[in-house]
Amino acid sequence: FYCFNLTPPSQTAIDNIYGSMLRGRFGDIPQLSHWTHALTTATIELWTNIKARMLPTPSKFHYIFNMRDLSRVFQGVMHSPLDVVSKGNNLIALWKHECDRVFCDKLTNPRDKKWYEEATHKVMMNRFGENVVEEFQDQKEPIYFVDFLRDEIIDPETEEVLEEAPKIYERVGSVAMLRNRVEDFLSDYN
């Protein structure tokens, strides 16, 4: 019989781990390199706030936010190609999408989701500045990133697939466009 006790890493250690990953990925691109520290600290701050506020209860037993969730956010941020995230504020949009996907998708009621949106807004205001927050507040549609927007390359004469559709994790233009794309896949399947 063995008993293991693992203490969670400190905030500094977490910042060193994920910050070095982001610096390695985005450090060579001037328009992205200045966001790496802010992304790391914003993610850790949001994760810490959620972990402290959204505790598991009998009706919300799945409200467990651990290091795996934190790493899933960073994994999603690192997944998109550099040419996709280097346009405008796409890196911040990708970060918000990943946080929503990992943290907010676990939440079950509107009150918790409203708290999450307020907490995210506060963290973004503190870490990214008012002008970035205003850009995301003015959007009427949610931010989504998917990897199935590209088409396969088909030979016009034989109608054979020459090249599979590339799986590029990129931002969706609109929910209507995404719906049309998914409906196209559904009609092809049926």
Protein backbone atom coordinates (compact mmCIF):
# COMPACT_ATOMS: atom_id res chain seq x y z
CA PHE A 1 0.00 0.00 0.00
CA TYR A 2 1.37 3.39 -1.02
CA CYS A 3 0.16 6.90 -0.38
CA PHE A 4 1.21 9.74 -2.65
CA ASN A 5 0.82 13.39 -1.83
CA LEU A 6 1.49 15.76 -4.69
CA THR A 7 1.34 19.44 -4.02
CA PRO A 8 0.10 21.57 -6.89
CA PRO A 9 2.75 23.72 -8.58
CA SER A 10 3.02 27.36 -7.61
CA GLN A 11 1.66 30.15 -9.79
CA THR A 12 5.23 30.99 -10.79
CA ALA A 13 5.94 27.41 -11.86
CA ILE A 14 2.73 27.27 -13.90
CA ASP A 15 3.61 30.61 -15.47
CA ASN A 16 7.09 29.33 -16.33
CA ILE A 17 5.77 26.15 -17.93
CA TYR A 18 3.04 27.62 -20.10
CA GLY A 19 4.74 30.98 -20.61
CA SER A 20 7.82 29.32 -22.06
CA MET A 21 5.62 27.28 -24.40
CA LEU A 22 3.89 30.42 -25.67
CA ARG A 23 7.17 32.34 -25.96
CA GLY A 24 8.63 29.46 -27.96
CA ARG A 25 5.64 29.42 -30.31
CA PHE A 26 4.94 33.14 -30.72
CA GLY A 27 8.23 34.78 -29.64
CA ASP A 28 9.55 35.32 -33.17
CA ILE A 29 6.47 37.20 -34.37
CA PRO A 30 6.51 40.83 -33.16
CA GLN A 31 2.73 41.37 -33.27
CA LEU A 32 2.20 38.24 -31.11
CA SER A 33 5.22 38.14 -28.80
CA HIS A 34 3.98 41.00 -26.63
CA TRP A 35 0.81 39.02 -25.81
CA THR A 36 2.52 35.88 -24.48
CA HIS A 37 2.92 37.04 -20.87
CA ALA A 38 -0.56 38.57 -20.80
CA LEU A 39 -2.12 35.35 -22.17
CA THR A 40 -0.36 33.22 -19.60
CA THR A 41 -1.26 35.37 -16.62
CA ALA A 42 -4.82 35.90 -17.84
CA THR A 43 -5.38 32.17 -18.21
CA ILE A 44 -3.95 31.38 -14.79
CA GLU A 45 -5.96 34.20 -13.19
CA LEU A 46 -9.20 33.07 -14.83
CA TRP A 47 -8.55 29.42 -13.92
CA THR A 48 -7.80 30.36 -10.31
CA ASN A 49 -10.98 32.46 -10.07
CA ILE A 50 -13.13 29.69 -11.54
CA LYS A 51 -11.52 27.06 -9.34
CA ALA A 52 -12.23 29.13 -6.22
CA ARG A 53 -15.79 30.15 -7.14
CA MET A 54 -17.26 27.20 -9.05
CA LEU A 55 -16.96 24.44 -6.48
CA PRO A 56 -18.53 21.01 -6.94
CA THR A 57 -21.88 20.36 -5.30
CA PRO A 58 -24.21 17.34 -5.49
CA SER A 59 -26.01 18.89 -8.46
CA LYS A 60 -22.77 20.20 -10.03
CA PHE A 61 -20.43 17.34 -9.24
CA HIS A 62 -18.52 17.89 -12.49
CA TYR A 63 -17.39 21.40 -11.48
CA ILE A 64 -13.81 20.28 -11.04
CA PHE A 65 -11.26 22.59 -12.60
CA ASN A 66 -7.72 21.20 -12.44
CA MET A 67 -4.40 21.43 -14.26
CA ARG A 68 -5.80 19.35 -17.12
CA ASP A 69 -8.26 22.15 -17.94
CA LEU A 70 -5.48 24.70 -17.85
CA SER A 71 -3.37 22.64 -20.23
CA ARG A 72 -6.35 22.16 -22.58
CA VAL A 73 -6.64 25.95 -22.95
CA PHE A 74 -2.96 26.26 -23.86
CA GLN A 75 -3.13 23.23 -26.14
CA GLY A 76 -5.96 24.87 -28.08
CA VAL A 77 -4.08 28.17 -28.31
CA MET A 78 -1.01 26.36 -29.65
CA HIS A 79 -3.06 24.33 -32.16
CA SER A 80 -3.80 27.09 -34.68
CA PRO A 81 -1.25 27.91 -37.42
CA LEU A 82 0.78 31.09 -37.02
CA ASP A 83 -0.59 32.71 -40.17
CA VAL A 84 -4.14 32.37 -38.76
CA VAL A 85 -3.47 33.87 -35.33
CA SER A 86 -1.18 36.65 -36.54
CA LYS A 87 -4.06 38.53 -38.18
CA GLY A 88 -5.57 41.28 -36.02
CA ASN A 89 -6.62 40.12 -32.57
CA ASN A 90 -7.13 36.50 -33.62
CA LEU A 91 -4.75 35.27 -30.91
CA ILE A 92 -6.89 36.90 -28.20
CA ALA A 93 -10.05 35.63 -29.93
CA LEU A 94 -8.58 32.11 -29.99
CA TRP A 95 -7.69 32.38 -26.30
CA LYS A 96 -11.25 33.47 -25.46
CA HIS A 97 -12.71 30.66 -27.56
CA GLU A 98 -10.53 28.08 -25.81
CA CYS A 99 -11.39 29.41 -22.35
CA ASP A 100 -15.09 29.32 -23.24
CA ARG A 101 -14.72 25.81 -24.62
CA VAL A 102 -12.85 24.46 -21.60
CA PHE A 103 -14.36 26.40 -18.70
CA CYS A 104 -17.76 27.74 -19.72
CA ASP A 105 -18.93 24.57 -21.44
CA LYS A 106 -18.84 22.79 -18.05
CA LEU A 107 -21.21 25.30 -16.47
CA THR A 108 -24.82 24.21 -16.29
CA ASN A 109 -26.97 27.21 -15.48
CA PRO A 110 -27.33 30.78 -16.77
CA ARG A 111 -26.28 32.32 -13.44
CA ASP A 112 -22.92 30.50 -13.49
CA LYS A 113 -22.40 31.36 -17.16
CA LYS A 114 -23.15 35.02 -16.45
CA TRP A 115 -20.60 34.98 -13.62
CA TYR A 116 -18.08 33.39 -15.97
CA GLU A 117 -18.65 36.08 -18.63
CA GLU A 118 -18.17 38.82 -16.02
CA ALA A 119 -15.02 37.16 -14.67
CA THR A 120 -13.63 36.77 -18.20
CA HIS A 121 -14.42 40.40 -18.97
CA LYS A 122 -12.64 41.53 -15.79
CA VAL A 123 -9.55 39.42 -16.54
CA MET A 124 -9.43 40.63 -20.14
CA MET A 125 -9.74 44.24 -18.99
CA ASN A 126 -6.87 43.79 -16.51
CA ARG A 127 -4.55 41.88 -18.84
CA PHE A 128 -5.31 43.03 -22.39
CA GLY A 129 -6.63 46.56 -21.95
CA GLU A 130 -9.84 48.41 -22.61
CA ASN A 131 -9.49 48.70 -26.40
CA VAL A 132 -9.21 44.91 -26.83
CA VAL A 133 -12.16 44.29 -24.52
CA GLU A 134 -14.32 46.80 -26.41
CA GLU A 135 -13.58 45.02 -29.68
CA PHE A 136 -14.89 41.74 -28.27
CA GLN A 137 -17.86 43.34 -26.49
CA ASP A 138 -19.16 44.88 -29.70
CA GLN A 139 -19.43 41.49 -31.42
CA LYS A 140 -22.95 40.22 -31.86
CA GLU A 141 -21.97 36.58 -32.44
CA PRO A 142 -19.85 34.24 -30.34
CA ILE A 143 -16.29 33.42 -31.35
CA TYR A 144 -15.72 29.94 -32.75
CA PHE A 145 -12.61 28.25 -34.11
CA VAL A 146 -12.98 25.00 -36.07
CA ASP A 147 -10.81 22.83 -38.29
CA PHE A 148 -13.28 21.87 -41.03
CA LEU A 149 -13.79 25.04 -43.07
CA ARG A 150 -11.45 24.12 -45.92
CA ASP A 151 -12.56 22.06 -48.92
CA GLU A 152 -10.88 19.04 -50.41
CA ILE A 153 -9.23 19.39 -53.78
CA ILE A 154 -11.21 17.44 -56.38
CA ASP A 155 -10.18 16.58 -59.93
CA PRO A 156 -12.85 18.21 -62.18
CA GLU A 157 -12.61 15.50 -64.83
CA THR A 158 -12.76 12.37 -62.67
CA GLU A 159 -14.34 13.89 -59.57
CA GLU A 160 -11.79 12.03 -57.45
CA VAL A 161 -10.36 13.56 -54.32
CA LEU A 162 -6.82 14.64 -55.12
CA GLU A 163 -6.06 16.04 -51.72
CA GLU A 164 -7.92 15.75 -48.42
CA ALA A 165 -9.19 18.96 -46.88
CA PRO A 166 -6.51 20.47 -44.65
CA LYS A 167 -7.39 20.54 -40.95
CA ILE A 168 -6.55 24.16 -40.18
CA TYR A 169 -7.87 25.47 -36.87
CA GLU A 170 -9.25 28.87 -37.87
CA ARG A 171 -11.84 31.42 -36.90
CA VAL A 172 -15.41 31.10 -38.16
CA GLY A 173 -16.68 34.16 -39.99
CA SER A 174 -20.27 33.89 -38.76
CA VAL A 175 -22.61 31.42 -37.14
CA ALA A 176 -24.70 31.35 -40.35
CA MET A 177 -21.62 30.36 -42.36
CA LEU A 178 -20.82 27.64 -39.82
CA ARG A 179 -24.38 26.35 -39.93
CA ASN A 180 -24.28 26.18 -43.74
CA ARG A 181 -20.98 24.31 -43.63
CA VAL A 182 -22.30 21.77 -41.12
CA GLU A 183 -25.51 21.32 -43.11
CA ASP A 184 -23.42 20.68 -46.23
CA PHE A 185 -21.57 17.93 -44.38
CA LEU A 186 -24.87 16.50 -43.20
CA SER A 187 -26.37 16.46 -46.69
CA ASP A 188 -23.18 14.81 -48.07
CA TYR A 189 -23.40 12.18 -45.37
CA ASN A 190 -27.09 11.44 -46.01
